[in-house]
PDB file of N, CA and C in Angstrom:
ATOM      1  N   UNK A   1     -11.339 -19.576   3.258  1.00  0.00           N
ATOM      2  CA  UNK A   1     -11.805 -19.173   1.446  1.00  0.00           C
ATOM      3  C   UNK A   1     -11.496 -17.597   1.787  1.00  0.00           C
ATOM      4  N   UNK A   2     -11.621 -16.782   2.253  1.00  0.00           N
ATOM      5  CA  UNK A   2     -11.190 -15.333   2.118  1.00  0.00           C
ATOM      6  C   UNK A   2      -9.987 -14.920   1.931  1.00  0.00           C
ATOM      7  N   UNK A   3      -9.039 -15.731   2.603  1.00  0.00           N
ATOM      8  CA  UNK A   3      -7.910 -15.536   1.740  1.00  0.00           C
ATOM      9  C   UNK A   3      -7.331 -16.030   0.965  1.00  0.00           C
ATOM     10  N   UNK A   4      -8.120 -16.848   0.190  1.00  0.00           N
ATOM     11  CA  UNK A   4      -7.888 -17.135  -1.151  1.00  0.00           C
ATOM     12  C   UNK A   4      -8.300 -16.497  -2.211  1.00  0.00           C
ATOM     13  N   UNK A   5      -9.792 -15.689  -1.672  1.00  0.00           N
ATOM     14  CA  UNK A   5     -10.265 -14.528  -2.640  1.00  0.00           C
ATOM     15  C   UNK A   5      -9.324 -13.514  -2.634  1.00  0.00           C
ATOM     16  N   UNK A   6      -8.807 -12.778  -1.576  1.00  0.00           N
ATOM     17  CA  UNK A   6      -7.995 -11.993  -1.408  1.00  0.00           C
ATOM     18  C   UNK A   6      -6.835 -12.018  -2.293  1.00  0.00           C
ATOM     19  N   UNK A   7      -5.954 -13.302  -2.306  1.00  0.00           N
ATOM     20  CA  UNK A   7      -4.925 -13.690  -2.815  1.00  0.00           C
ATOM     21  C   UNK A   7      -5.770 -13.697  -4.510  1.00  0.00           C
ATOM     22  N   UNK A   8      -6.668 -14.021  -4.677  1.00  0.00           N
ATOM     23  CA  UNK A   8      -6.602 -13.950  -6.077  1.00  0.00           C
ATOM     24  C   UNK A   8      -7.047 -12.930  -6.494  1.00  0.00           C
ATOM     25  N   UNK A   9      -7.809 -11.665  -5.601  1.00  0.00           N
ATOM     26  CA  UNK A   9      -7.864 -10.572  -6.521  1.00  0.00           C
ATOM     27  C   UNK A   9      -6.561  -9.638  -6.626  1.00  0.00           C
ATOM     28  N   UNK A  10      -5.498  -9.911  -5.666  1.00  0.00           N
ATOM     29  CA  UNK A  10      -4.528  -9.558  -5.728  1.00  0.00           C
ATOM     30  C   UNK A  10      -3.530  -9.826  -7.190  1.00  0.00           C
ATOM     31  N   UNK A  11      -4.124 -11.043  -7.208  1.00  0.00           N
ATOM     32  CA  UNK A  11      -3.274 -11.673  -8.593  1.00  0.00           C
ATOM     33  C   UNK A  11      -3.751 -11.320  -9.820  1.00  0.00           C
ATOM     34  N   UNK A  12      -5.136 -11.248  -9.762  1.00  0.00           N
ATOM     35  CA  UNK A  12      -5.666 -10.625 -11.078  1.00  0.00           C
ATOM     36  C   UNK A  12      -5.355  -9.062 -11.303  1.00  0.00           C
ATOM     37  N   UNK A  13      -5.254  -8.427 -10.134  1.00  0.00           N
ATOM     38  CA  UNK A  13      -4.808  -7.159 -10.318  1.00  0.00           C
ATOM     39  C   UNK A  13      -3.282  -6.664 -10.430  1.00  0.00           C
ATOM     40  N   UNK A  14      -2.351  -7.604 -10.412  1.00  0.00           N
ATOM     41  CA  UNK A  14      -1.097  -7.713 -10.754  1.00  0.00           C
ATOM     42  C   UNK A  14      -1.075  -7.708 -12.034  1.00  0.00           C
ATOM     43  N   UNK A  15      -1.655  -8.797 -12.579  1.00  0.00           N
ATOM     44  CA  UNK A  15      -1.777  -9.096 -13.929  1.00  0.00           C
ATOM     45  C   UNK A  15      -2.450  -7.977 -14.883  1.00  0.00           C
ATOM     46  N   UNK A  16      -3.362  -7.609 -14.143  1.00  0.00           N
ATOM     47  CA  UNK A  16      -3.962  -6.174 -14.726  1.00  0.00           C
ATOM     48  C   UNK A  16      -3.052  -4.900 -15.091  1.00  0.00           C
ATOM     49  N   UNK A  17      -2.188  -4.686 -13.981  1.00  0.00           N
ATOM     50  CA  UNK A  17      -1.598  -3.502 -13.582  1.00  0.00           C
ATOM     51  C   UNK A  17      -0.176  -3.605 -14.742  1.00  0.00           C
ATOM     52  N   UNK A  18       0.552  -5.142 -14.749  1.00  0.00           N
ATOM     53  CA  UNK A  18       1.288  -5.435 -15.578  1.00  0.00           C
ATOM     54  C   UNK A  18       1.063  -5.121 -17.106  1.00  0.00           C
ATOM     55  N   UNK A  19       0.151  -5.478 -17.591  1.00  0.00           N
ATOM     56  CA  UNK A  19      -0.374  -5.575 -18.925  1.00  0.00           C
ATOM     57  C   UNK A  19      -0.362  -3.921 -18.978  1.00  0.00           C
ATOM     58  N   UNK A  20      -1.297  -3.254 -18.331  1.00  0.00           N
ATOM     59  CA  UNK A  20      -1.190  -1.496 -18.447  1.00  0.00           C
ATOM     60  C   UNK A  20      -0.219  -1.191 -18.238  1.00  0.00           C
ATOM     61  N   UNK A  21       1.178  -1.463 -17.949  1.00  0.00           N
ATOM     62  CA  UNK A  21       2.363  -1.079 -17.402  1.00  0.00           C
ATOM     63  C   UNK A  21       3.130  -0.674 -18.740  1.00  0.00           C
ATOM     64  N   UNK A  22       2.858  -1.715 -19.814  1.00  0.00           N
ATOM     65  CA  UNK A  22       3.684  -2.331 -20.753  1.00  0.00           C
ATOM     66  C   UNK A  22       3.070  -0.835 -21.576  1.00  0.00           C
ATOM     67  N   UNK A  23       2.200  -0.184 -21.669  1.00  0.00           N
ATOM     68  CA  UNK A  23       1.759   0.684 -22.149  1.00  0.00           C
ATOM     69  C   UNK A  23       1.911   2.179 -21.878  1.00  0.00           C
ATOM     70  N   UNK A  24       2.631   2.266 -20.767  1.00  0.00           N
ATOM     71  CA  UNK A  24       2.580   3.358 -20.092  1.00  0.00           C
ATOM     72  C   UNK A  24       4.267   3.965 -20.433  1.00  0.00           C
ATOM     73  N   UNK A  25       3.864   5.361 -20.150  1.00  0.00           N
ATOM     74  CA  UNK A  25       5.128   5.864 -20.433  1.00  0.00           C
ATOM     75  C   UNK A  25       5.928   6.151 -19.587  1.00  0.00           C
ATOM     76  N   UNK A  26       7.361   5.802 -19.372  1.00  0.00           N
ATOM     77  CA  UNK A  26       7.853   5.707 -18.002  1.00  0.00           C
ATOM     78  C   UNK A  26       8.251   7.286 -17.676  1.00  0.00           C
ATOM     79  N   UNK A  27       7.790   7.750 -16.632  1.00  0.00           N
ATOM     80  CA  UNK A  27       8.126   9.249 -16.092  1.00  0.00           C
ATOM     81  C   UNK A  27       8.176   9.067 -14.677  1.00  0.00           C
ATOM     82  N   UNK A  28       8.837  10.282 -13.839  1.00  0.00           N
ATOM     83  CA  UNK A  28       9.212   9.889 -12.485  1.00  0.00           C
ATOM     84  C   UNK A  28       8.071  10.226 -11.651  1.00  0.00           C
ATOM     85  N   UNK A  29       7.540   9.333 -10.689  1.00  0.00           N
ATOM     86  CA  UNK A  29       6.189   9.668 -10.206  1.00  0.00           C
ATOM     87  C   UNK A  29       6.332   9.464  -8.605  1.00  0.00           C
ATOM     88  N   UNK A  30       5.609   9.489  -8.038  1.00  0.00           N
ATOM     89  CA  UNK A  30       5.632   9.505  -6.685  1.00  0.00           C
ATOM     90  C   UNK A  30       6.780   8.133  -5.918  1.00  0.00           C
ATOM     91  N   UNK A  31       6.827   7.134  -6.871  1.00  0.00           N
ATOM     92  CA  UNK A  31       7.250   6.079  -6.306  1.00  0.00           C
ATOM     93  C   UNK A  31       8.884   5.914  -7.349  1.00  0.00           C
ATOM     94  N   UNK A  32       9.243   6.931  -7.634  1.00  0.00           N
ATOM     95  CA  UNK A  32      10.316   6.882  -8.966  1.00  0.00           C
ATOM     96  C   UNK A  32      10.133   6.425 -10.232  1.00  0.00           C
ATOM     97  N   UNK A  33      10.779   6.464 -10.867  1.00  0.00           N
ATOM     98  CA  UNK A  33      10.628   6.050 -12.223  1.00  0.00           C
ATOM     99  C   UNK A  33      10.441   4.680 -12.906  1.00  0.00           C
ATOM    100  N   UNK A  34      11.009   3.661 -12.011  1.00  0.00           N
ATOM    101  CA  UNK A  34      10.543   2.247 -12.201  1.00  0.00           C
ATOM    102  C   UNK A  34       9.459   1.667 -11.802  1.00  0.00           C
ATOM    103  N   UNK A  35       8.497   2.510 -11.351  1.00  0.00           N
ATOM    104  CA  UNK A  35       7.807   1.518 -10.446  1.00  0.00           C
ATOM    105  C   UNK A  35       6.279   2.499 -10.179  1.00  0.00           C
ATOM    106  N   UNK A  36       5.272   2.280 -10.022  1.00  0.00           N
ATOM    107  CA  UNK A  36       3.984   2.941  -9.834  1.00  0.00           C
ATOM    108  C   UNK A  36       3.573   2.502  -8.435  1.00  0.00           C
ATOM    109  N   UNK A  37       2.412   3.618  -8.087  1.00  0.00           N
ATOM    110  CA  UNK A  37       1.925   2.943  -6.721  1.00  0.00           C
ATOM    111  C   UNK A  37       1.163   1.853  -6.813  1.00  0.00           C
ATOM    112  N   UNK A  38       0.444   1.445  -7.826  1.00  0.00           N
ATOM    113  CA  UNK A  38      -0.183   0.436  -8.072  1.00  0.00           C
ATOM    114  C   UNK A  38       0.698  -1.191  -8.161  1.00  0.00           C
ATOM    115  N   UNK A  39       2.071  -0.970  -8.544  1.00  0.00           N
ATOM    116  CA  UNK A  39       2.885  -1.934  -8.511  1.00  0.00           C
ATOM    117  C   UNK A  39       3.274  -1.982  -7.206  1.00  0.00           C
ATOM    118  N   UNK A  40       3.747  -0.964  -6.450  1.00  0.00           N
ATOM    119  CA  UNK A  40       4.173  -0.956  -5.208  1.00  0.00           C
ATOM    120  C   UNK A  40       3.299  -1.888  -3.804  1.00  0.00           C
ATOM    121  N   UNK A  41       1.788  -1.322  -4.118  1.00  0.00           N
ATOM    122  CA  UNK A  41       0.711  -1.596  -3.488  1.00  0.00           C
ATOM    123  C   UNK A  41       0.668  -3.458  -3.358  1.00  0.00           C
ATOM    124  N   UNK A  42       1.319  -3.906  -4.562  1.00  0.00           N
ATOM    125  CA  UNK A  42       0.952  -5.411  -4.562  1.00  0.00           C
ATOM    126  C   UNK A  42       1.860  -6.105  -3.806  1.00  0.00           C
ATOM    127  N   UNK A  43       3.149  -5.106  -3.365  1.00  0.00           N
ATOM    128  CA  UNK A  43       3.996  -5.799  -2.115  1.00  0.00           C
ATOM    129  C   UNK A  43       3.128  -5.408  -1.064  1.00  0.00           C
ATOM    130  N   UNK A  44       2.084  -4.670  -0.700  1.00  0.00           N
ATOM    131  CA  UNK A  44       1.696  -4.801   0.740  1.00  0.00           C
ATOM    132  C   UNK A  44       0.373  -6.018   0.675  1.00  0.00           C
ATOM    133  N   UNK A  45       0.679  -6.860   0.201  1.00  0.00           N
ATOM    134  CA  UNK A  45      -0.337  -7.907   0.029  1.00  0.00           C
ATOM    135  C   UNK A  45      -0.296  -8.628   1.366  1.00  0.00           C
ATOM    136  N   UNK A  46       0.701  -8.833   2.570  1.00  0.00           N
ATOM    137  CA  UNK A  46       0.157  -9.137   3.897  1.00  0.00           C
ATOM    138  C   UNK A  46      -0.484  -8.071   4.695  1.00  0.00           C
ATOM    139  N   UNK A  47      -0.578  -6.848   4.168  1.00  0.00           N
ATOM    140  CA  UNK A  47      -1.278  -5.983   5.216  1.00  0.00           C
ATOM    141  C   UNK A  47      -2.866  -5.965   4.922  1.00  0.00           C
ATOM    142  N   UNK A  48      -3.318  -6.740   3.820  1.00  0.00           N
ATOM    143  CA  UNK A  48      -4.798  -6.664   3.553  1.00  0.00           C
ATOM    144  C   UNK A  48      -5.615  -6.461   4.517  1.00  0.00           C
ATOM    145  N   UNK A  49      -5.635  -7.539   5.516  1.00  0.00           N
ATOM    146  CA  UNK A  49      -6.631  -7.209   6.864  1.00  0.00           C
ATOM    147  C   UNK A  49      -6.456  -6.311   7.564  1.00  0.00           C
ATOM    148  N   UNK A  50      -5.096  -5.396   7.631  1.00  0.00           N
ATOM    149  CA  UNK A  50      -4.791  -4.524   8.476  1.00  0.00           C
ATOM    150  C   UNK A  50      -5.321  -3.456   8.131  1.00  0.00           C
ATOM    151  N   UNK A  51      -5.303  -3.270   6.721  1.00  0.00           N
ATOM    152  CA  UNK A  51      -5.920  -2.187   6.045  1.00  0.00           C
ATOM    153  C   UNK A  51      -7.406  -2.229   5.889  1.00  0.00           C
ATOM    154  N   UNK A  52      -7.937  -3.059   6.545  1.00  0.00           N
ATOM    155  CA  UNK A  52      -9.666  -3.152   6.632  1.00  0.00           C
ATOM    156  C   UNK A  52      -9.994  -3.056   7.796  1.00  0.00           C
ATOM    157  N   UNK A  53      -9.040  -3.547   8.591  1.00  0.00           N
ATOM    158  CA  UNK A  53      -9.632  -3.598  10.300  1.00  0.00           C
ATOM    159  C   UNK A  53      -8.806  -2.663  11.044  1.00  0.00           C
ATOM    160  N   UNK A  54      -9.090  -1.816  11.436  1.00  0.00           N
ATOM    161  CA  UNK A  54      -8.037  -1.130  12.582  1.00  0.00           C
ATOM    162  C   UNK A  54      -7.668  -1.745  13.756  1.00  0.00           C
ATOM    163  N   UNK A  55      -8.715  -3.010  13.983  1.00  0.00           N
ATOM    164  CA  UNK A  55      -8.201  -3.515  15.008  1.00  0.00           C
ATOM    165  C   UNK A  55      -7.650  -4.736  14.809  1.00  0.00           C
ATOM    166  N   UNK A  56      -7.526  -5.023  13.660  1.00  0.00           N
ATOM    167  CA  UNK A  56      -6.459  -6.647  13.312  1.00  0.00           C
ATOM    168  C   UNK A  56      -5.166  -6.356  13.612  1.00  0.00           C
ATOM    169  N   UNK A  57      -4.110  -7.587  13.915  1.00  0.00           N
ATOM    170  CA  UNK A  57      -2.793  -7.334  14.129  1.00  0.00           C
ATOM    171  C   UNK A  57      -2.402  -7.014  12.752  1.00  0.00           C
ATOM    172  N   UNK A  58      -1.053  -6.804  12.930  1.00  0.00           N
ATOM    173  CA  UNK A  58      -0.083  -6.425  12.295  1.00  0.00           C
ATOM    174  C   UNK A  58       1.100  -7.360  11.716  1.00  0.00           C
ATOM    175  N   UNK A  59       1.118  -8.074  10.456  1.00  0.00           N
ATOM    176  CA  UNK A  59       1.896  -9.216  10.476  1.00  0.00           C
ATOM    177  C   UNK A  59       3.130  -8.282  10.518  1.00  0.00           C
ATOM    178  N   UNK A  60       4.410  -8.853  10.851  1.00  0.00           N
ATOM    179  CA  UNK A  60       5.972  -8.766  10.793  1.00  0.00           C
ATOM    180  C   UNK A  60       6.145  -8.115   8.963  1.00  0.00           C
ATOM    181  N   UNK A  61       5.434  -9.417   8.172  1.00  0.00           N
ATOM    182  CA  UNK A  61       5.881  -9.120   7.042  1.00  0.00           C
ATOM    183  C   UNK A  61       5.279  -7.579   6.329  1.00  0.00           C
ATOM    184  N   UNK A  62       4.200  -7.445   6.519  1.00  0.00           N
ATOM    185  CA  UNK A  62       3.527  -6.052   6.220  1.00  0.00           C
ATOM    186  C   UNK A  62       4.422  -4.587   6.702  1.00  0.00           C
ATOM    187  N   UNK A  63       4.764  -5.077   8.052  1.00  0.00           N
ATOM    188  CA  UNK A  63       5.436  -3.976   8.852  1.00  0.00           C
ATOM    189  C   UNK A  63       6.996  -3.803   7.747  1.00  0.00           C
ATOM    190  N   UNK A  64       7.551  -4.722   7.973  1.00  0.00           N
ATOM    191  CA  UNK A  64       8.570  -4.691   7.106  1.00  0.00           C
ATOM    192  C   UNK A  64       8.447  -3.813   5.807  1.00  0.00           C
ATOM    193  N   UNK A  65       7.440  -4.305   4.811  1.00  0.00           N
ATOM    194  CA  UNK A  65       7.468  -3.882   3.543  1.00  0.00           C
ATOM    195  C   UNK A  65       6.663  -2.140   3.970  1.00  0.00           C
ATOM    196  N   UNK A  66       6.008  -1.879   4.934  1.00  0.00           N
ATOM    197  CA  UNK A  66       5.737  -0.562   5.000  1.00  0.00           C
ATOM    198  C   UNK A  66       6.856   0.480   5.481  1.00  0.00           C
ATOM    199  N   UNK A  67       7.830  -0.364   6.399  1.00  0.00           N
ATOM    200  CA  UNK A  67       8.959   0.505   6.562  1.00  0.00           C
ATOM    201  C   UNK A  67       9.898   0.671   5.322  1.00  0.00           C
ATOM    202  N   UNK A  68       9.756   0.107   4.243  1.00  0.00           N
ATOM    203  CA  UNK A  68      10.521   0.466   2.814  1.00  0.00           C
ATOM    204  C   UNK A  68      10.085   1.157   2.394  1.00  0.00           C
ATOM    205  N   UNK A  69       8.447   1.159   2.509  1.00  0.00           N
ATOM    206  CA  UNK A  69       7.722   2.513   1.984  1.00  0.00           C
ATOM    207  C   UNK A  69       8.145   3.494   2.341  1.00  0.00           C
ATOM    208  N   UNK A  70       8.021   3.617   3.460  1.00  0.00           N
ATOM    209  CA  UNK A  70       8.302   4.530   4.644  1.00  0.00           C
ATOM    210  C   UNK A  70       9.536   5.836   4.229  1.00  0.00           C
ATOM    211  N   UNK A  71      10.230   5.386   4.014  1.00  0.00           N
ATOM    212  CA  UNK A  71      11.693   5.894   3.435  1.00  0.00           C
ATOM    213  C   UNK A  71      11.011   7.337   2.503  1.00  0.00           C
ATOM    214  N   UNK A  72      10.139   7.182   1.743  1.00  0.00           N
ATOM    215  CA  UNK A  72       9.858   7.812   0.788  1.00  0.00           C
ATOM    216  C   UNK A  72       8.276   7.958   1.049  1.00  0.00           C
ATOM    217  N   UNK A  73       7.967   9.342   1.902  1.00  0.00           N
ATOM    218  CA  UNK A  73       6.365   9.069   2.534  1.00  0.00           C
ATOM    219  C   UNK A  73       5.454   9.640   1.088  1.00  0.00           C
ATOM    220  N   UNK A  74       5.509  10.109   0.598  1.00  0.00           N
ATOM    221  CA  UNK A  74       4.968  10.295  -1.007  1.00  0.00           C
ATOM    222  C   UNK A  74       4.568   8.979  -1.697  1.00  0.00           C
ATOM    223  N   UNK A  75       5.286   8.312  -1.939  1.00  0.00           N
ATOM    224  CA  UNK A  75       5.217   6.925  -2.546  1.00  0.00           C
ATOM    225  C   UNK A  75       4.239   6.123  -1.229  1.00  0.00           C
ATOM    226  N   UNK A  76       4.649   6.303  -0.381  1.00  0.00           N
ATOM    227  CA  UNK A  76       3.733   5.544   0.905  1.00  0.00           C
ATOM    228  C   UNK A  76       2.309   5.964   0.997  1.00  0.00           C
ATOM    229  N   UNK A  77       2.051   7.255   0.911  1.00  0.00           N
ATOM    230  CA  UNK A  77       0.632   7.743   0.846  1.00  0.00           C
ATOM    231  C   UNK A  77       0.071   7.539  -0.824  1.00  0.00           C
ATOM    232  N   UNK A  78       1.008   7.252  -1.410  1.00  0.00           N
ATOM    233  CA  UNK A  78       0.307   7.236  -2.903  1.00  0.00           C
ATOM    234  C   UNK A  78      -0.150   5.785  -3.113  1.00  0.00           C
ATOM    235  N   UNK A  79       0.583   4.910  -2.353  1.00  0.00           N
ATOM    236  CA  UNK A  79       0.257   3.024  -2.482  1.00  0.00           C
ATOM    237  C   UNK A  79      -0.905   3.084  -1.667  1.00  0.00           C
ATOM    238  N   UNK A  80      -1.098   3.585  -0.710  1.00  0.00           N
ATOM    239  CA  UNK A  80      -2.224   3.665   0.442  1.00  0.00           C
ATOM    240  C   UNK A  80      -3.549   4.207   0.031  1.00  0.00           C
ATOM    241  N   UNK A  81      -3.349   5.014  -1.239  1.00  0.00           N
ATOM    242  CA  UNK A  81      -4.893   5.480  -1.560  1.00  0.00           C
ATOM    243  C   UNK A  81      -4.803   5.238  -2.995  1.00  0.00           C
ATOM    244  N   UNK A  82      -3.920   4.528  -3.634  1.00  0.00           N
ATOM    245  CA  UNK A  82      -3.551   3.301  -5.131  1.00  0.00           C
ATOM    246  C   UNK A  82      -5.023   2.758  -5.207  1.00  0.00           C
ATOM    247  N   UNK A  83      -5.170   2.593  -6.753  1.00  0.00           N
ATOM    248  CA  UNK A  83      -6.660   1.973  -6.888  1.00  0.00           C
ATOM    249  C   UNK A  83      -6.194   0.816  -6.786  1.00  0.00           C
ATOM    250  N   UNK A  84      -5.058  -0.088  -6.680  1.00  0.00           N
ATOM    251  CA  UNK A  84      -4.938  -1.288  -5.944  1.00  0.00           C
ATOM    252  C   UNK A  84      -5.387  -1.358  -4.779  1.00  0.00           C
ATOM    253  N   UNK A  85      -4.980  -0.563  -3.821  1.00  0.00           N
ATOM    254  CA  UNK A  85      -5.113  -0.839  -2.402  1.00  0.00           C
ATOM    255  C   UNK A  85      -7.054  -0.628  -2.197  1.00  0.00           C
ATOM    256  N   UNK A  86      -7.206   0.173  -2.950  1.00  0.00           N
ATOM    257  CA  UNK A  86      -8.840   0.297  -2.976  1.00  0.00           C
ATOM    258  C   UNK A  86      -9.738  -1.055  -3.298  1.00  0.00           C
ATOM    259  N   UNK A  87      -8.954  -1.434  -4.547  1.00  0.00           N
ATOM    260  CA  UNK A  87      -9.612  -2.723  -5.314  1.00  0.00           C
ATOM    261  C   UNK A  87      -9.663  -4.043  -4.304  1.00  0.00           C
ATOM    262  N   UNK A  88      -8.820  -3.610  -3.464  1.00  0.00           N
ATOM    263  CA  UNK A  88      -8.251  -4.687  -2.696  1.00  0.00           C
ATOM    264  C   UNK A  88      -9.436  -4.769  -1.110  1.00  0.00           C
ATOM    265  N   UNK A  89      -9.805  -3.813  -1.381  1.00  0.00           N
ATOM    266  CA  UNK A  89     -10.940  -3.472  -0.080  1.00  0.00           C
ATOM    267  C   UNK A  89     -10.110  -3.129   0.976  1.00  0.00           C
ATOM    268  N   UNK A  90      -8.885  -1.974   0.976  1.00  0.00           N
ATOM    269  CA  UNK A  90      -8.074  -1.079   1.882  1.00  0.00           C
ATOM    270  C   UNK A  90      -9.181   0.211   2.311  1.00  0.00           C
ATOM    271  N   UNK A  91      -9.109   0.348   3.270  1.00  0.00           N
ATOM    272  CA  UNK A  91      -9.910   1.581   3.754  1.00  0.00           C
ATOM    273  C   UNK A  91      -8.579   2.714   4.034  1.00  0.00           C
ATOM    274  N   UNK A  92      -8.459   3.517   3.285  1.00  0.00           N
ATOM    275  CA  UNK A  92      -7.477   4.596   3.517  1.00  0.00           C
ATOM    276  C   UNK A  92      -7.612   4.889   4.773  1.00  0.00           C
ATOM    277  N   UNK A  93      -8.530   5.305   5.482  1.00  0.00           N
ATOM    278  CA  UNK A  93      -8.486   5.950   6.866  1.00  0.00           C
ATOM    279  C   UNK A  93      -7.658   4.700   7.915  1.00  0.00           C
ATOM    280  N   UNK A  94      -7.925   3.470   7.597  1.00  0.00           N
ATOM    281  CA  UNK A  94      -7.584   2.351   8.465  1.00  0.00           C
ATOM    282  C   UNK A  94      -5.899   1.946   8.086  1.00  0.00           C
ATOM    283  N   UNK A  95      -5.849   2.471   6.383  1.00  0.00           N
ATOM    284  CA  UNK A  95      -4.380   2.003   6.064  1.00  0.00           C
ATOM    285  C   UNK A  95      -3.164   2.921   6.439  1.00  0.00           C
ATOM    286  N   UNK A  96      -3.339   4.128   6.757  1.00  0.00           N
ATOM    287  CA  UNK A  96      -2.791   5.333   7.025  1.00  0.00           C
ATOM    288  C   UNK A  96      -2.021   4.863   8.738  1.00  0.00           C
ATOM    289  N   UNK A  97      -2.964   4.170   9.313  1.00  0.00           N
ATOM    290  CA  UNK A  97      -2.590   3.933  10.775  1.00  0.00           C
ATOM    291  C   UNK A  97      -1.376   2.644  10.848  1.00  0.00           C
ATOM    292  N   UNK A  98      -1.417   1.944   9.544  1.00  0.00           N
ATOM    293  CA  UNK A  98      -0.300   0.779   9.845  1.00  0.00           C
ATOM    294  C   UNK A  98       1.001   1.323  10.356  1.00  0.00           C
ATOM    295  N   UNK A  99       1.710   2.044   9.325  1.00  0.00           N
ATOM    296  CA  UNK A  99       2.988   2.018  10.085  1.00  0.00           C
ATOM    297  C   UNK A  99       2.922   2.587  11.769  1.00  0.00           C
ATOM    298  N   UNK A 100       1.969   3.480  12.641  1.00  0.00           N
ATOM    299  CA  UNK A 100       1.976   3.858  13.835  1.00  0.00           C
ATOM    300  C   UNK A 100       1.722   2.314  14.316  1.00  0.00           C
ATOM    301  N   UNK A 101       0.605   1.519  14.013  1.00  0.00           N
ATOM    302  CA  UNK A 101       0.545   0.337  14.577  1.00  0.00           C
ATOM    303  C   UNK A 101       1.679  -0.709  14.769  1.00  0.00           C
ATOM    304  N   UNK A 102       2.762  -0.572  13.474  1.00  0.00           N
ATOM    305  CA  UNK A 102       4.003  -1.366  13.301  1.00  0.00           C
ATOM    306  C   UNK A 102       5.042  -0.738  14.452  1.00  0.00           C
ATOM    307  N   UNK A 103       4.297   0.273  15.234  1.00  0.00           N
ATOM    308  CA  UNK A 103       5.651   0.682  15.908  1.00  0.00           C
ATOM    309  C   UNK A 103       6.930   1.466  15.523  1.00  0.00           C
ATOM    310  N   UNK A 104       6.856   1.866  13.901  1.00  0.00           N
ATOM    311  CA  UNK A 104       7.990   2.364  13.208  1.00  0.00           C
ATOM    312  C   UNK A 104       8.457   3.373  13.709  1.00  0.00           C
ATOM    313  N   UNK A 105       9.729   3.432  14.276  1.00  0.00           N
ATOM    314  CA  UNK A 105      10.503   4.493  14.845  1.00  0.00           C
ATOM    315  C   UNK A 105      10.584   5.907  13.745  1.00  0.00           C
ATOM    316  N   UNK A 106      10.694   5.194  12.922  1.00  0.00           N
ATOM    317  CA  UNK A 106      10.826   6.504  11.595  1.00  0.00           C
ATOM    318  C   UNK A 106      10.035   6.514  10.828  1.00  0.00           C
ATOM    319  N   UNK A 107       8.962   6.575  10.999  1.00  0.00           N
ATOM    320  CA  UNK A 107       7.811   6.648  10.482  1.00  0.00           C
ATOM    321  C   UNK A 107       7.454   8.048  10.166  1.00  0.00           C
ATOM    322  N   UNK A 108       6.628   8.001   8.863  1.00  0.00           N
ATOM    323  CA  UNK A 108       6.564  10.094   8.285  1.00  0.00           C
ATOM    324  C   UNK A 108       4.918  10.281   9.147  1.00  0.00           C
ATOM    325  N   UNK A 109       5.541  10.617  10.628  1.00  0.00           N
ATOM    326  CA  UNK A 109       4.707  11.364  11.091  1.00  0.00           C
ATOM    327  C   UNK A 109       4.066  12.574  10.916  1.00  0.00           C
ATOM    328  N   UNK A 110       2.765  12.701  11.128  1.00  0.00           N
ATOM    329  CA  UNK A 110       2.309  14.223  10.508  1.00  0.00           C
ATOM    330  C   UNK A 110       1.914  14.333   8.725  1.00  0.00           C
ATOM    331  N   UNK A 111       2.467  13.442   8.056  1.00  0.00           N
ATOM    332  CA  UNK A 111       2.905  13.665   6.362  1.00  0.00           C
ATOM    333  C   UNK A 111       1.102  14.043   6.133  1.00  0.00           C
ATOM    334  N   UNK A 112       1.109  14.573   5.332  1.00  0.00           N
ATOM    335  CA  UNK A 112      -0.247  14.730   4.866  1.00  0.00           C
ATOM    336  C   UNK A 112      -0.699  14.112   3.673  1.00  0.00           C
ATOM    337  N   UNK A 113      -1.822  13.193   3.563  1.00  0.00           N
ATOM    338  CA  UNK A 113      -1.494  11.986   3.029  1.00  0.00           C
ATOM    339  C   UNK A 113      -3.100  12.194   2.312  1.00  0.00           C
ATOM    340  N   UNK A 114      -2.918  12.905   1.066  1.00  0.00           N
ATOM    341  CA  UNK A 114      -4.274  13.149   0.394  1.00  0.00           C
ATOM    342  C   UNK A 114      -5.166  13.840   1.835  1.00  0.00           C
ATOM    343  N   UNK A 115      -6.787  13.439   1.992  1.00  0.00           N
ATOM    344  CA  UNK A 115      -7.220  14.156   2.839  1.00  0.00           C
ATOM    345  C   UNK A 115      -6.631  13.592   4.269  1.00  0.00           C
ATOM    346  N   UNK A 116      -6.178  12.852   4.394  1.00  0.00           N
ATOM    347  CA  UNK A 116      -5.324  12.328   5.660  1.00  0.00           C
ATOM    348  C   UNK A 116      -4.541  12.787   6.517  1.00  0.00           C
ATOM    349  N   UNK A 117      -3.892  12.524   7.437  1.00  0.00           N
ATOM    350  CA  UNK A 117      -2.754  12.624   7.757  1.00  0.00           C
ATOM    351  C   UNK A 117      -2.239  11.603   8.744  1.00  0.00           C
ATOM    352  N   UNK A 118      -0.865  11.187   8.704  1.00  0.00           N
ATOM    353  CA  UNK A 118      -0.570  10.120   9.070  1.00  0.00           C
ATOM    354  C   UNK A 118      -0.130  10.382  10.296  1.00  0.00           C
ATOM    355  N   UNK A 119      -0.533   9.277  11.525  1.00  0.00           N
ATOM    356  CA  UNK A 119      -0.613   9.795  12.892  1.00  0.00           C
ATOM    357  C   UNK A 119       0.936   9.295  12.819  1.00  0.00           C
TER     358      UNK A 119
END
């Protein structure tokens, strides 16, 4: 039931972001011109539990998405600190530990992410 609730929450957020995106002026941001941190955050749905509990295991699908975003550290930070991530229940202090918990060799170590630093 908890997984269903998380899925439903992310789905509603996707609809909201999609609707609000229609009215947005296209400007280059942390994640590029064609996407926003909130849109990219939706791709991290497999990371929902790992972003809330530092002791939760991190799935391979989560690590794969984080690895893609980790190529652009400013986008990764923006996604982890986005409204979508916060609304899904992600704890930024926990979320920024996911790249390390995935054992990503090329993660952005020491990158300042708002008030947090990527380990």
